[in-house]
């Protein structure tokens, strides 16, 4: 069994949130981590605040793969008035 850990770093590279470790078999597996971000710094073309998602696969406690993904958080609201 391997484990995956996922963390979210804010635009200032401070750890914002770390998801719990999830155990899984080392094969084709899809995992989902959900994060709630209170008062996020929103991305816009004029202020492109980017977060970094860091996912790490651990096998017997040792990292065997790490992935860094930059993301922007936006707020989109649709109401009945269009």
Protein backbone atom coordinates (compact mmCIF):
# COMPACT_ATOMS: atom_id res chain seq x y z
CA UNK A 1 0.00 0.00 0.00
CA UNK A 2 1.10 3.52 -0.76
CA UNK A 3 -0.16 6.82 0.60
CA UNK A 4 -0.80 10.17 -1.02
CA UNK A 5 -0.54 13.52 0.73
CA UNK A 6 -1.81 16.73 -0.86
CA UNK A 7 -1.09 20.24 0.35
CA UNK A 8 -2.23 23.68 -0.77
CA UNK A 9 0.20 26.59 -0.61
CA UNK A 10 -1.15 30.12 -0.86
CA UNK A 11 0.32 32.80 -3.16
CA UNK A 12 2.90 33.68 -0.45
CA UNK A 13 4.00 29.99 -0.34
CA UNK A 14 2.57 29.47 3.14
CA UNK A 15 0.95 26.09 3.69
CA UNK A 16 -2.74 26.82 3.61
CA UNK A 17 -4.14 23.35 4.00
CA UNK A 18 -2.95 19.75 4.06
CA UNK A 19 -5.32 16.91 3.18
CA UNK A 20 -5.26 13.75 5.20
CA UNK A 21 -3.16 10.90 3.92
CA UNK A 22 -5.09 8.39 1.84
CA UNK A 23 -3.97 4.77 1.51
CA UNK A 24 -4.26 3.18 -1.95
CA UNK A 25 -2.87 0.34 -4.03
CA UNK A 26 -0.06 1.18 -6.47
CA UNK A 27 -2.05 0.80 -9.67
CA UNK A 28 -4.36 2.99 -11.75
CA UNK A 29 -6.31 4.75 -9.04
CA UNK A 30 -8.25 8.00 -9.01
CA UNK A 31 -8.15 9.96 -5.76
CA UNK A 32 -10.06 13.11 -4.87
CA UNK A 33 -9.05 15.65 -2.24
CA UNK A 34 -11.49 18.44 -1.47
CA UNK A 35 -10.34 21.73 0.03
CA UNK A 36 -12.37 24.57 1.49
CA UNK A 37 -10.41 27.80 1.25
CA UNK A 38 -11.72 30.51 3.56
CA UNK A 39 -11.22 33.99 2.12
CA UNK A 40 -9.07 32.95 -0.84
CA UNK A 41 -7.00 35.43 -2.80
CA UNK A 42 -8.90 35.36 -6.06
CA UNK A 43 -7.23 35.15 -9.46
CA UNK A 44 -7.89 37.80 -12.08
CA UNK A 45 -5.93 39.05 -15.10
CA UNK A 46 -4.97 42.19 -13.14
CA UNK A 47 -4.10 40.31 -9.96
CA UNK A 48 -3.08 36.76 -10.88
CA UNK A 49 -2.88 35.22 -7.40
CA UNK A 50 -1.80 31.62 -7.85
CA UNK A 51 -1.95 28.79 -5.35
CA UNK A 52 0.18 25.67 -5.59
CA UNK A 53 -1.18 22.17 -5.08
CA UNK A 54 1.51 19.71 -4.05
CA UNK A 55 0.73 16.00 -4.18
CA UNK A 56 3.21 13.43 -3.01
CA UNK A 57 3.05 9.63 -3.26
CA UNK A 58 4.73 7.82 -0.39
CA UNK A 59 5.70 4.15 -0.43
CA UNK A 60 6.74 2.82 2.97
CA UNK A 61 6.99 6.43 4.16
CA UNK A 62 9.43 7.48 1.41
CA UNK A 63 8.43 9.85 -1.40
CA UNK A 64 8.40 8.13 -4.80
CA UNK A 65 6.67 10.85 -6.82
CA UNK A 66 5.77 14.51 -6.36
CA UNK A 67 3.57 16.71 -8.53
CA UNK A 68 3.24 20.50 -8.29
CA UNK A 69 0.27 22.19 -9.97
CA UNK A 70 -0.40 25.94 -10.03
CA UNK A 71 -4.05 26.93 -9.81
CA UNK A 72 -6.06 30.13 -9.62
CA UNK A 73 -9.24 30.46 -7.59
CA UNK A 74 -12.09 32.48 -9.05
CA UNK A 75 -15.60 33.25 -7.96
CA UNK A 76 -18.33 32.90 -10.53
CA UNK A 77 -21.92 33.66 -9.64
CA UNK A 78 -24.96 33.14 -11.81
CA UNK A 79 -28.31 34.42 -10.67
CA UNK A 80 -31.73 34.21 -12.23
CA UNK A 81 -31.44 37.77 -13.63
CA UNK A 82 -28.55 36.65 -15.83
